[in-house]
Amino acid sequence: MKRSLLCALLLVVTAVPAGAANLVKTYSYFSIGGSTLEDIEKQLSKHGPQVKSTGSRHPGATQMAFTTRISYAKQAGSCRIADAAVTVKVKVILPEWRRPRKADPDVKLFWDTLAADIKRHEERHVEIAKNHARALEDALKATYPQKDCGAAKAKAAEITAAILARHDRAQVQFDRVESVNFESRILRLMRYRVQRIESGQLPPPA
């Protein structure tokens, strides 16, 4: 396994301000070819989604757009958040390999393992966002009444900024841990997949 390929497989999530208790998720796929690991590496570098935060292409990505709807209730001498609903729309972008008939079985095995890990990685990014979005929604609903609706809106903005900053740190930390453990994780997953194939729990790579 080439080191350059391993380094290239660090996946990036694009962060957009907001949070979400309601999740709207779609998938998008890009095709790659190649019959060797070197070919696949070149294809991922050429056709993978381009992430604005890095300016480079990656084997997979998750695009997120968050919206928050807040309603306020004005009372004599105060204003409070009556309700808050947070929605996140995510688009998960994944690679799809056009398998050559003559591709080596070891390459097929590696791809099956890698593709599953890429999807798991991106789904975890989605889960992190959803968890923080739920926390944001709960925090907004739990705020105390403010002296007026302007102050209530300012408080909502303060809470939102704090939780979104926490969300961004969690996403970065997740990527950092995943990149450090990538090689050992893929090798472990490949061994596990081979064991399942040998025991008949999984079909051999097609």
N, C-alpha and C. Protein backbone atom coordinates (compact mmCIF):
# COMPACT_ATOMS: atom_id res chain seq x y z
N MET A 1 0.84 -1.18 0.00
CA MET A 1 0.00 0.00 0.00
C MET A 1 0.88 1.24 0.00
N LYS A 2 0.70 2.10 -0.96
CA LYS A 2 1.56 3.26 -1.06
C LYS A 2 1.24 4.29 0.01
N ARG A 3 2.29 4.90 0.57
CA ARG A 3 2.09 5.92 1.61
C ARG A 3 1.33 7.11 1.05
N SER A 4 1.63 7.49 -0.21
CA SER A 4 0.94 8.65 -0.79
C SER A 4 -0.55 8.41 -0.89
N LEU A 5 -0.94 7.16 -1.20
CA LEU A 5 -2.36 6.85 -1.27
C LEU A 5 -2.98 6.94 0.11
N LEU A 6 -2.27 6.44 1.12
CA LEU A 6 -2.80 6.49 2.47
C LEU A 6 -3.00 7.93 2.92
N CYS A 7 -2.06 8.79 2.61
CA CYS A 7 -2.16 10.19 3.01
C CYS A 7 -3.29 10.89 2.26
N ALA A 8 -3.51 10.48 1.02
CA ALA A 8 -4.54 11.14 0.22
C ALA A 8 -5.94 10.80 0.69
N LEU A 9 -6.07 9.75 1.48
CA LEU A 9 -7.39 9.28 1.86
C LEU A 9 -7.94 9.94 3.11
N LEU A 10 -7.31 11.01 3.55
CA LEU A 10 -7.87 11.81 4.63
C LEU A 10 -9.08 12.55 4.10
N LEU A 11 -10.25 12.27 4.64
CA LEU A 11 -11.49 12.87 4.13
C LEU A 11 -11.78 14.16 4.87
N VAL A 12 -12.39 15.07 4.18
CA VAL A 12 -12.64 16.39 4.73
C VAL A 12 -14.12 16.69 4.72
N VAL A 13 -14.61 17.30 5.79
CA VAL A 13 -16.00 17.75 5.86
C VAL A 13 -16.01 19.26 5.75
N THR A 14 -16.90 19.79 4.93
CA THR A 14 -17.00 21.23 4.79
C THR A 14 -17.96 21.75 5.84
N ALA A 15 -17.54 22.76 6.59
CA ALA A 15 -18.34 23.29 7.68
C ALA A 15 -19.07 24.56 7.25
N VAL A 16 -20.37 24.61 7.53
CA VAL A 16 -21.19 25.78 7.24
C VAL A 16 -21.92 26.13 8.53
N PRO A 17 -21.99 27.40 8.90
CA PRO A 17 -22.60 27.78 10.18
C PRO A 17 -24.02 27.24 10.34
N ALA A 18 -24.31 26.66 11.48
CA ALA A 18 -25.63 26.28 11.99
C ALA A 18 -25.64 24.92 12.63
N GLY A 19 -26.80 24.29 12.82
CA GLY A 19 -26.91 23.01 13.47
C GLY A 19 -28.13 22.29 12.99
N ALA A 20 -28.48 21.11 13.57
CA ALA A 20 -29.66 20.45 13.05
C ALA A 20 -30.18 19.31 13.87
N ALA A 21 -31.47 19.36 14.21
CA ALA A 21 -32.14 18.23 14.84
C ALA A 21 -32.91 17.48 13.77
N ASN A 22 -33.32 18.20 12.71
CA ASN A 22 -33.93 17.57 11.55
C ASN A 22 -32.85 17.37 10.49
N LEU A 23 -32.82 16.18 9.91
CA LEU A 23 -31.77 15.85 8.96
C LEU A 23 -32.36 15.54 7.60
N VAL A 24 -31.84 16.20 6.57
CA VAL A 24 -32.20 15.90 5.18
C VAL A 24 -30.91 15.48 4.49
N LYS A 25 -30.85 14.21 4.07
CA LYS A 25 -29.59 13.66 3.55
C LYS A 25 -29.76 13.13 2.14
N THR A 26 -28.82 13.48 1.27
CA THR A 26 -28.79 12.95 -0.08
C THR A 26 -27.38 12.43 -0.37
N TYR A 27 -27.29 11.60 -1.41
CA TYR A 27 -26.01 11.03 -1.81
C TYR A 27 -25.71 11.41 -3.25
N SER A 28 -24.43 11.60 -3.52
CA SER A 28 -23.96 11.87 -4.87
C SER A 28 -22.71 11.01 -5.10
N TYR A 29 -22.55 10.51 -6.31
CA TYR A 29 -21.44 9.61 -6.59
C TYR A 29 -20.63 10.12 -7.79
N PHE A 30 -19.32 9.89 -7.74
CA PHE A 30 -18.47 10.18 -8.88
C PHE A 30 -17.74 8.89 -9.27
N SER A 31 -17.60 8.67 -10.57
CA SER A 31 -17.03 7.43 -11.07
C SER A 31 -15.52 7.54 -11.23
N ILE A 32 -14.84 6.45 -10.93
CA ILE A 32 -13.40 6.35 -11.18
C ILE A 32 -13.13 5.01 -11.84
N GLY A 33 -12.01 4.95 -12.56
CA GLY A 33 -11.59 3.70 -13.19
C GLY A 33 -10.27 3.25 -12.60
N GLY A 34 -9.53 2.47 -13.38
CA GLY A 34 -8.23 1.99 -12.93
C GLY A 34 -8.26 0.55 -12.49
N SER A 35 -7.14 -0.14 -12.69
CA SER A 35 -7.05 -1.55 -12.32
C SER A 35 -5.99 -1.82 -11.26
N THR A 36 -5.25 -0.78 -10.87
CA THR A 36 -4.22 -0.94 -9.83
C THR A 36 -4.43 0.13 -8.76
N LEU A 37 -3.74 -0.03 -7.64
CA LEU A 37 -3.84 0.97 -6.58
C LEU A 37 -3.34 2.33 -7.07
N GLU A 38 -2.28 2.30 -7.89
CA GLU A 38 -1.75 3.56 -8.43
C GLU A 38 -2.78 4.24 -9.32
N ASP A 39 -3.48 3.44 -10.16
CA ASP A 39 -4.51 3.99 -11.03
C ASP A 39 -5.64 4.61 -10.21
N ILE A 40 -6.05 3.88 -9.18
CA ILE A 40 -7.14 4.36 -8.34
C ILE A 40 -6.76 5.66 -7.64
N GLU A 41 -5.52 5.72 -7.16
CA GLU A 41 -5.03 6.94 -6.50
C GLU A 41 -5.12 8.13 -7.45
N LYS A 42 -4.67 7.95 -8.70
CA LYS A 42 -4.73 9.04 -9.67
C LYS A 42 -6.16 9.45 -9.97
N GLN A 43 -7.05 8.47 -10.08
CA GLN A 43 -8.45 8.75 -10.38
C GLN A 43 -9.13 9.51 -9.24
N LEU A 44 -8.82 9.12 -8.01
CA LEU A 44 -9.39 9.83 -6.86
C LEU A 44 -8.89 11.27 -6.81
N SER A 45 -7.61 11.45 -7.12
CA SER A 45 -7.04 12.79 -7.10
C SER A 45 -7.61 13.66 -8.22
N LYS A 46 -7.97 13.03 -9.33
CA LYS A 46 -8.47 13.77 -10.48
C LYS A 46 -9.96 14.05 -10.40
N HIS A 47 -10.74 13.07 -9.92
CA HIS A 47 -12.20 13.18 -9.98
C HIS A 47 -12.88 13.37 -8.62
N GLY A 48 -12.13 13.28 -7.53
CA GLY A 48 -12.75 13.44 -6.21
C GLY A 48 -13.31 14.84 -6.02
N PRO A 49 -14.24 15.02 -5.09
CA PRO A 49 -14.83 16.33 -4.85
C PRO A 49 -13.79 17.33 -4.36
N GLN A 50 -13.88 18.55 -4.88
CA GLN A 50 -12.97 19.61 -4.46
C GLN A 50 -13.56 20.32 -3.24
N VAL A 51 -12.78 20.38 -2.19
CA VAL A 51 -13.23 20.96 -0.94
C VAL A 51 -12.69 22.39 -0.83
N LYS A 52 -13.58 23.34 -0.61
CA LYS A 52 -13.20 24.75 -0.58
C LYS A 52 -12.20 25.06 0.52
N SER A 53 -12.33 24.40 1.65
CA SER A 53 -11.46 24.72 2.79
C SER A 53 -10.00 24.36 2.53
N THR A 54 -9.76 23.38 1.65
CA THR A 54 -8.39 22.98 1.35
C THR A 54 -7.98 23.34 -0.07
N GLY A 55 -8.95 23.54 -0.95
CA GLY A 55 -8.65 23.85 -2.34
C GLY A 55 -8.21 22.65 -3.15
N SER A 56 -8.25 21.47 -2.56
CA SER A 56 -7.82 20.25 -3.25
C SER A 56 -8.95 19.24 -3.31
N ARG A 57 -8.71 18.18 -4.06
CA ARG A 57 -9.72 17.13 -4.22
C ARG A 57 -9.50 16.02 -3.20
N HIS A 58 -10.60 15.36 -2.83
CA HIS A 58 -10.54 14.32 -1.80
C HIS A 58 -11.37 13.11 -2.24
N PRO A 59 -11.08 11.93 -1.68
CA PRO A 59 -11.81 10.72 -2.05
C PRO A 59 -13.29 10.75 -1.69
N GLY A 60 -13.68 11.61 -0.78
CA GLY A 60 -15.08 11.71 -0.38
C GLY A 60 -15.26 12.97 0.43
N ALA A 61 -16.47 13.44 0.55
CA ALA A 61 -16.72 14.66 1.32
C ALA A 61 -18.18 14.70 1.74
N THR A 62 -18.46 15.52 2.74
CA THR A 62 -19.82 15.77 3.16
C THR A 62 -20.05 17.27 3.19
N GLN A 63 -20.97 17.72 2.38
CA GLN A 63 -21.33 19.14 2.35
C GLN A 63 -22.52 19.36 3.27
N MET A 64 -22.48 20.39 4.10
CA MET A 64 -23.54 20.64 5.08
C MET A 64 -24.05 22.06 4.96
N ALA A 65 -25.35 22.21 5.07
CA ALA A 65 -25.97 23.54 5.12
C ALA A 65 -26.99 23.52 6.25
N PHE A 66 -26.83 24.39 7.21
CA PHE A 66 -27.67 24.43 8.39
C PHE A 66 -28.60 25.65 8.37
N THR A 67 -29.81 25.45 8.82
CA THR A 67 -30.76 26.56 8.99
C THR A 67 -31.43 26.44 10.35
N THR A 68 -31.67 27.59 10.96
CA THR A 68 -32.32 27.63 12.27
C THR A 68 -33.52 28.57 12.20
N ARG A 69 -34.66 28.07 12.61
CA ARG A 69 -35.87 28.89 12.66
C ARG A 69 -36.25 29.10 14.11
N ILE A 70 -36.36 30.36 14.50
CA ILE A 70 -36.65 30.70 15.89
C ILE A 70 -37.87 31.61 15.95
N SER A 71 -38.79 31.30 16.82
CA SER A 71 -39.94 32.17 17.04
C SER A 71 -39.83 32.76 18.45
N TYR A 72 -40.27 34.00 18.59
CA TYR A 72 -40.15 34.73 19.85
C TYR A 72 -41.53 35.08 20.41
N ALA A 73 -41.63 35.12 21.71
CA ALA A 73 -42.88 35.50 22.40
C ALA A 73 -42.60 36.73 23.26
N LYS A 74 -43.27 37.81 22.92
CA LYS A 74 -43.07 39.06 23.66
C LYS A 74 -44.10 39.20 24.76
N GLN A 75 -43.63 39.51 25.95
CA GLN A 75 -44.51 39.71 27.10
C GLN A 75 -44.18 41.06 27.73
N ALA A 76 -44.94 41.44 28.72
CA ALA A 76 -44.71 42.72 29.38
C ALA A 76 -43.32 42.75 30.02
N GLY A 77 -42.44 43.59 29.49
CA GLY A 77 -41.11 43.74 30.04
C GLY A 77 -40.13 42.64 29.72
N SER A 78 -40.48 41.71 28.83
CA SER A 78 -39.54 40.64 28.49
C SER A 78 -39.87 40.03 27.12
N CYS A 79 -38.94 39.24 26.64
CA CYS A 79 -39.13 38.50 25.38
C CYS A 79 -38.36 37.20 25.49
N ARG A 80 -38.95 36.12 25.07
CA ARG A 80 -38.30 34.81 25.17
C ARG A 80 -38.39 34.06 23.85
N ILE A 81 -37.54 33.06 23.71
CA ILE A 81 -37.60 32.16 22.56
C ILE A 81 -38.75 31.19 22.80
N ALA A 82 -39.77 31.27 21.97
CA ALA A 82 -40.94 30.40 22.13
C ALA A 82 -40.68 29.02 21.54
N ASP A 83 -39.93 28.98 20.45
CA ASP A 83 -39.65 27.69 19.82
C ASP A 83 -38.42 27.84 18.92
N ALA A 84 -37.73 26.73 18.71
CA ALA A 84 -36.55 26.72 17.83
C ALA A 84 -36.51 25.39 17.09
N ALA A 85 -36.30 25.47 15.79
CA ALA A 85 -36.20 24.26 14.97
C ALA A 85 -34.95 24.37 14.11
N VAL A 86 -34.10 23.38 14.20
CA VAL A 86 -32.84 23.39 13.47
C VAL A 86 -32.86 22.25 12.45
N THR A 87 -32.48 22.57 11.23
CA THR A 87 -32.44 21.58 10.16
C THR A 87 -31.08 21.61 9.49
N VAL A 88 -30.55 20.45 9.21
CA VAL A 88 -29.29 20.38 8.45
C VAL A 88 -29.53 19.56 7.18
N LYS A 89 -29.11 20.12 6.07
CA LYS A 89 -29.14 19.41 4.80
C LYS A 89 -27.72 18.97 4.49
N VAL A 90 -27.55 17.68 4.28
CA VAL A 90 -26.21 17.17 3.98
C VAL A 90 -26.21 16.44 2.65
N LYS A 91 -25.13 16.59 1.96
CA LYS A 91 -24.91 15.86 0.70
C LYS A 91 -23.62 15.08 0.85
N VAL A 92 -23.73 13.77 0.87
CA VAL A 92 -22.58 12.89 1.02
C VAL A 92 -22.09 12.52 -0.38
N ILE A 93 -20.82 12.81 -0.65
CA ILE A 93 -20.23 12.54 -1.96
C ILE A 93 -19.27 11.37 -1.83
N LEU A 94 -19.53 10.30 -2.58
CA LEU A 94 -18.75 9.06 -2.46
C LEU A 94 -18.24 8.59 -3.82
N PRO A 95 -17.13 7.86 -3.83
CA PRO A 95 -16.60 7.33 -5.10
C PRO A 95 -17.28 6.03 -5.49
N GLU A 96 -17.33 5.79 -6.79
CA GLU A 96 -17.89 4.55 -7.33
C GLU A 96 -16.89 4.02 -8.36
N TRP A 97 -16.35 2.85 -8.09
CA TRP A 97 -15.29 2.29 -8.95
C TRP A 97 -15.89 1.44 -10.06
N ARG A 98 -15.51 1.74 -11.30
CA ARG A 98 -15.88 0.88 -12.44
C ARG A 98 -14.86 -0.25 -12.50
N ARG A 99 -15.27 -1.39 -12.01
CA ARG A 99 -14.32 -2.50 -11.83
C ARG A 99 -13.94 -3.13 -13.17
N PRO A 100 -12.67 -3.09 -13.55
CA PRO A 100 -12.23 -3.80 -14.75
C PRO A 100 -12.31 -5.32 -14.50
N ARG A 101 -12.66 -6.06 -15.51
CA ARG A 101 -12.78 -7.51 -15.35
C ARG A 101 -11.45 -8.16 -14.96
N LYS A 102 -10.36 -7.57 -15.43
CA LYS A 102 -9.05 -8.18 -15.18
C LYS A 102 -8.36 -7.61 -13.94
N ALA A 103 -9.08 -6.84 -13.15
CA ALA A 103 -8.47 -6.27 -11.95
C ALA A 103 -8.07 -7.39 -10.99
N ASP A 104 -6.94 -7.24 -10.34
CA ASP A 104 -6.44 -8.23 -9.40
C ASP A 104 -7.41 -8.37 -8.22
N PRO A 105 -7.66 -9.59 -7.75
CA PRO A 105 -8.56 -9.79 -6.61
C PRO A 105 -8.15 -9.01 -5.37
N ASP A 106 -6.83 -8.86 -5.17
CA ASP A 106 -6.37 -8.09 -4.01
C ASP A 106 -6.77 -6.62 -4.12
N VAL A 107 -6.76 -6.09 -5.34
CA VAL A 107 -7.17 -4.71 -5.55
C VAL A 107 -8.67 -4.58 -5.29
N LYS A 108 -9.44 -5.56 -5.75
CA LYS A 108 -10.89 -5.55 -5.51
C LYS A 108 -11.18 -5.62 -4.01
N LEU A 109 -10.43 -6.47 -3.31
CA LEU A 109 -10.61 -6.59 -1.86
C LEU A 109 -10.29 -5.27 -1.16
N PHE A 110 -9.19 -4.66 -1.58
CA PHE A 110 -8.81 -3.38 -0.99
C PHE A 110 -9.89 -2.33 -1.26
N TRP A 111 -10.40 -2.29 -2.48
CA TRP A 111 -11.42 -1.29 -2.81
C TRP A 111 -12.70 -1.50 -1.99
N ASP A 112 -13.14 -2.73 -1.88
CA ASP A 112 -14.34 -3.00 -1.09
C ASP A 112 -14.18 -2.52 0.34
N THR A 113 -12.99 -2.76 0.89
CA THR A 113 -12.70 -2.33 2.26
C THR A 113 -12.65 -0.81 2.35
N LEU A 114 -11.95 -0.21 1.41
CA LEU A 114 -11.79 1.24 1.41
C LEU A 114 -13.13 1.96 1.23
N ALA A 115 -13.93 1.50 0.26
CA ALA A 115 -15.21 2.15 -0.02
C ALA A 115 -16.13 2.11 1.20
N ALA A 116 -16.13 0.98 1.90
CA ALA A 116 -16.96 0.86 3.11
C ALA A 116 -16.47 1.82 4.19
N ASP A 117 -15.15 1.97 4.28
CA ASP A 117 -14.60 2.85 5.31
C ASP A 117 -14.85 4.32 4.98
N ILE A 118 -14.78 4.67 3.71
CA ILE A 118 -15.09 6.05 3.31
C ILE A 118 -16.52 6.39 3.68
N LYS A 119 -17.45 5.49 3.39
CA LYS A 119 -18.86 5.75 3.70
C LYS A 119 -19.07 5.87 5.21
N ARG A 120 -18.43 4.97 5.97
CA ARG A 120 -18.56 5.03 7.43
C ARG A 120 -18.04 6.36 7.95
N HIS A 121 -16.91 6.79 7.41
CA HIS A 121 -16.30 8.04 7.83
C HIS A 121 -17.24 9.22 7.59
N GLU A 122 -17.82 9.30 6.41
CA GLU A 122 -18.71 10.41 6.09
C GLU A 122 -20.00 10.37 6.91
N GLU A 123 -20.50 9.17 7.15
CA GLU A 123 -21.72 9.05 7.96
C GLU A 123 -21.46 9.52 9.39
N ARG A 124 -20.25 9.31 9.86
CA ARG A 124 -19.91 9.78 11.21
C ARG A 124 -19.86 11.31 11.25
N HIS A 125 -19.37 11.93 10.19
CA HIS A 125 -19.41 13.39 10.11
C HIS A 125 -20.86 13.88 10.21
N VAL A 126 -21.75 13.21 9.53
CA VAL A 126 -23.16 13.58 9.57
C VAL A 126 -23.71 13.44 10.99
N GLU A 127 -23.34 12.37 11.65
CA GLU A 127 -23.82 12.13 13.01
C GLU A 127 -23.30 13.20 13.98
N ILE A 128 -22.05 13.57 13.83
CA ILE A 128 -21.49 14.63 14.68
C ILE A 128 -22.28 15.92 14.51
N ALA A 129 -22.58 16.26 13.27
CA ALA A 129 -23.35 17.48 13.00
C ALA A 129 -24.74 17.39 13.60
N LYS A 130 -25.38 16.25 13.44
CA LYS A 130 -26.74 16.10 13.97
C LYS A 130 -26.76 16.20 15.49
N ASN A 131 -25.78 15.60 16.14
CA ASN A 131 -25.71 15.66 17.61
C ASN A 131 -25.55 17.09 18.10
N HIS A 132 -24.70 17.85 17.45
CA HIS A 132 -24.51 19.24 17.86
C HIS A 132 -25.72 20.10 17.51
N ALA A 133 -26.37 19.75 16.43
CA ALA A 133 -27.58 20.48 16.06
C ALA A 133 -28.68 20.27 17.09
N ARG A 134 -28.78 19.03 17.56
CA ARG A 134 -29.78 18.74 18.60
C ARG A 134 -29.44 19.52 19.87
N ALA A 135 -28.16 19.58 20.19
CA ALA A 135 -27.73 20.35 21.36
C ALA A 135 -28.04 21.83 21.19
N LEU A 136 -27.87 22.32 19.98
CA LEU A 136 -28.19 23.73 19.71
C LEU A 136 -29.68 24.00 19.88
N GLU A 137 -30.48 23.13 19.33
CA GLU A 137 -31.94 23.30 19.45
C GLU A 137 -32.37 23.28 20.91
N ASP A 138 -31.83 22.34 21.65
CA ASP A 138 -32.19 22.23 23.08
C ASP A 138 -31.74 23.48 23.84
N ALA A 139 -30.54 23.97 23.54
CA ALA A 139 -30.02 25.14 24.25
C ALA A 139 -30.84 26.39 23.95
N LEU A 140 -31.25 26.52 22.71
CA LEU A 140 -32.08 27.69 22.35
C LEU A 140 -33.42 27.66 23.08
N LYS A 141 -34.02 26.48 23.14
CA LYS A 141 -35.32 26.36 23.80
C LYS A 141 -35.22 26.58 25.31
N ALA A 142 -34.04 26.37 25.87
CA ALA A 142 -33.87 26.46 27.33
C ALA A 142 -33.45 27.85 27.81
N THR A 143 -33.32 28.79 26.91
CA THR A 143 -32.86 30.12 27.32
C THR A 143 -33.89 30.84 28.19
N TYR A 144 -33.39 31.67 29.09
CA TYR A 144 -34.26 32.47 29.95
C TYR A 144 -34.79 33.68 29.17
N PRO A 145 -35.92 34.22 29.59
CA PRO A 145 -36.45 35.43 28.95
C PRO A 145 -35.44 36.58 29.06
N GLN A 146 -35.40 37.42 28.02
CA GLN A 146 -34.53 38.59 27.99
C GLN A 146 -35.39 39.86 28.11
N LYS A 147 -34.74 40.99 28.28
CA LYS A 147 -35.49 42.23 28.52
C LYS A 147 -36.32 42.65 27.32
N ASP A 148 -35.86 42.30 26.10
CA ASP A 148 -36.63 42.59 24.89
C ASP A 148 -36.22 41.59 23.81
N CYS A 149 -36.90 41.64 22.66
CA CYS A 149 -36.64 40.65 21.62
C CYS A 149 -35.29 40.87 20.95
N GLY A 150 -34.80 42.10 20.96
CA GLY A 150 -33.45 42.33 20.45
C GLY A 150 -32.42 41.60 21.27
N ALA A 151 -32.58 41.64 22.58
CA ALA A 151 -31.67 40.93 23.47
C ALA A 151 -31.82 39.41 23.32
N ALA A 152 -33.06 38.96 23.10
CA ALA A 152 -33.30 37.53 22.92
C ALA A 152 -32.62 37.03 21.65
N LYS A 153 -32.69 37.83 20.60
CA LYS A 153 -32.03 37.46 19.34
C LYS A 153 -30.51 37.43 19.51
N ALA A 154 -29.99 38.39 20.26
CA ALA A 154 -28.56 38.43 20.51
C ALA A 154 -28.11 37.21 21.30
N LYS A 155 -28.92 36.80 22.27
CA LYS A 155 -28.62 35.62 23.06
C LYS A 155 -28.63 34.37 22.19
N ALA A 156 -29.62 34.31 21.29
CA ALA A 156 -29.69 33.16 20.38
C ALA A 156 -28.45 33.09 19.50
N ALA A 157 -27.98 34.24 19.02
CA ALA A 157 -26.79 34.27 18.18
C ALA A 157 -25.55 33.85 18.96
N GLU A 158 -25.48 34.25 20.22
CA GLU A 158 -24.35 33.89 21.08
C GLU A 158 -24.31 32.38 21.31
N ILE A 159 -25.47 31.80 21.62
CA ILE A 159 -25.55 30.36 21.85
C ILE A 159 -25.19 29.60 20.58
N THR A 160 -25.72 30.07 19.46
CA THR A 160 -25.45 29.41 18.18
C THR A 160 -23.97 29.41 17.86
N ALA A 161 -23.33 30.55 18.02
CA ALA A 161 -21.90 30.65 17.72
C ALA A 161 -21.07 29.71 18.60
N ALA A 162 -21.42 29.62 19.87
CA ALA A 162 -20.65 28.78 20.80
C ALA A 162 -20.78 27.30 20.44
N ILE A 163 -21.99 26.87 20.16
CA ILE A 163 -22.20 25.44 19.87
C ILE A 163 -21.63 25.07 18.50
N LEU A 164 -21.72 25.99 17.54
CA LEU A 164 -21.15 25.70 16.23
C LEU A 164 -19.63 25.65 16.27
N ALA A 165 -19.04 26.46 17.11
CA ALA A 165 -17.58 26.40 17.28
C ALA A 165 -17.18 25.06 17.88
N ARG A 166 -17.98 24.58 18.83
CA ARG A 166 -17.73 23.27 19.43
C ARG A 166 -17.89 22.17 18.38
N HIS A 167 -18.89 22.32 17.53
CA HIS A 167 -19.13 21.37 16.44
C HIS A 167 -17.94 21.32 15.49
N ASP A 168 -17.43 22.48 15.09
CA ASP A 168 -16.29 22.51 14.17
C ASP A 168 -15.07 21.84 14.78
N ARG A 169 -14.84 22.08 16.07
CA ARG A 169 -13.69 21.45 16.73
C ARG A 169 -13.85 19.93 16.76
N ALA A 170 -15.07 19.47 16.98
CA ALA A 170 -15.32 18.02 17.01
C ALA A 170 -15.06 17.39 15.64
N GLN A 171 -15.45 18.09 14.58
CA GLN A 171 -15.24 17.56 13.23
C GLN A 171 -13.75 17.49 12.91
N VAL A 172 -13.02 18.54 13.26
CA VAL A 172 -11.57 18.55 13.01
C VAL A 172 -10.86 17.46 13.81
N GLN A 173 -11.25 17.30 15.05
CA GLN A 173 -10.65 16.27 15.89
C GLN A 173 -10.93 14.88 15.35
N PHE A 174 -12.13 14.66 14.86
CA PHE A 174 -12.48 13.36 14.28
C PHE A 174 -11.58 13.07 13.07
N ASP A 175 -11.43 14.04 12.18
CA ASP A 175 -10.56 13.84 11.02
C ASP A 175 -9.12 13.57 11.44
N ARG A 176 -8.67 14.27 12.47
CA ARG A 176 -7.28 14.10 12.93
C ARG A 176 -7.06 12.67 13.43
N VAL A 177 -7.97 12.17 14.24
CA VAL A 177 -7.85 10.81 14.77
C VAL A 177 -7.94 9.79 13.64
N GLU A 178 -8.87 10.00 12.72
CA GLU A 178 -9.04 9.06 11.61
C GLU A 178 -7.80 8.99 10.73
N SER A 179 -7.17 10.13 10.49
CA SER A 179 -5.99 10.13 9.62
C SER A 179 -4.82 9.41 10.27
N VAL A 180 -4.66 9.58 11.58
CA VAL A 180 -3.57 8.91 12.30
C VAL A 180 -3.75 7.40 12.27
N ASN A 181 -4.99 6.95 12.42
CA ASN A 181 -5.27 5.51 12.52
C ASN A 181 -5.63 4.86 11.19
N PHE A 182 -5.51 5.60 10.09
CA PHE A 182 -6.03 5.08 8.82
C PHE A 182 -5.39 3.77 8.39
N GLU A 183 -4.07 3.73 8.33
CA GLU A 183 -3.40 2.54 7.81
C GLU A 183 -3.70 1.31 8.66
N SER A 184 -3.57 1.42 9.96
CA SER A 184 -3.83 0.26 10.82
C SER A 184 -5.30 -0.14 10.74
N ARG A 185 -6.19 0.82 10.61
CA ARG A 185 -7.62 0.51 10.53
C ARG A 185 -7.95 -0.25 9.25
N ILE A 186 -7.41 0.21 8.12
CA ILE A 186 -7.69 -0.44 6.85
C ILE A 186 -7.14 -1.86 6.83
N LEU A 187 -5.92 -2.04 7.34
CA LEU A 187 -5.35 -3.39 7.39
C LEU A 187 -6.17 -4.31 8.27
N ARG A 188 -6.64 -3.79 9.41
CA ARG A 188 -7.47 -4.58 10.30
C ARG A 188 -8.80 -4.95 9.63
N LEU A 189 -9.39 -3.98 8.93
CA LEU A 189 -10.66 -4.23 8.24
C LEU A 189 -10.49 -5.23 7.10
N MET A 190 -9.35 -5.15 6.42
CA MET A 190 -9.10 -6.11 5.33
C MET A 190 -8.95 -7.52 5.87
N ARG A 191 -8.23 -7.67 6.98
CA ARG A 191 -8.09 -9.00 7.60
C ARG A 191 -9.45 -9.54 8.01
N TYR A 192 -10.26 -8.67 8.58
CA TYR A 192 -11.60 -9.09 9.02
C TYR A 192 -12.46 -9.49 7.83
N ARG A 193 -12.35 -8.73 6.73
CA ARG A 193 -13.12 -9.06 5.53
C ARG A 193 -12.67 -10.40 4.94
N VAL A 194 -11.37 -10.64 4.93
CA VAL A 194 -10.85 -11.91 4.43
C VAL A 194 -11.37 -13.07 5.28
N GLN A 195 -11.39 -12.89 6.60
CA GLN A 195 -11.91 -13.94 7.49
C GLN A 195 -13.38 -14.23 7.20
N ARG A 196 -14.16 -13.20 6.95
CA ARG A 196 -15.58 -13.39 6.66
C ARG A 196 -15.79 -14.07 5.31
N ILE A 197 -14.93 -13.74 4.34
CA ILE A 197 -15.01 -14.40 3.03
C ILE A 197 -14.66 -15.87 3.16
N GLU A 198 -13.60 -16.16 3.90
CA GLU A 198 -13.16 -17.54 4.08
C GLU A 198 -14.19 -18.37 4.85
N SER A 199 -14.94 -17.73 5.74
CA SER A 199 -15.95 -18.46 6.50
C SER A 199 -17.30 -18.51 5.77
N GLY A 200 -17.36 -17.90 4.59
CA GLY A 200 -18.60 -17.93 3.82
C GLY A 200 -19.61 -16.87 4.22
N GLN A 201 -19.25 -15.97 5.10
CA GLN A 201 -20.18 -14.91 5.54
C GLN A 201 -20.28 -13.79 4.51
N LEU A 202 -19.25 -13.66 3.68
CA LEU A 202 -19.26 -12.67 2.60
C LEU A 202 -18.85 -13.35 1.30
N PRO A 203 -19.41 -12.91 0.16
CA PRO A 203 -18.95 -13.46 -1.12
C PRO A 203 -17.59 -12.87 -1.46
N PRO A 204 -16.78 -13.59 -2.24
CA PRO A 204 -15.49 -13.04 -2.66
C PRO A 204 -15.70 -11.82 -3.55
N PRO A 205 -14.69 -10.96 -3.68
CA PRO A 205 -14.83 -9.76 -4.51
C PRO A 205 -15.23 -10.12 -5.93
N ALA A 206 -16.22 -9.43 -6.47
CA ALA A 206 -16.71 -9.74 -7.82
C ALA A 206 -15.79 -9.13 -8.87
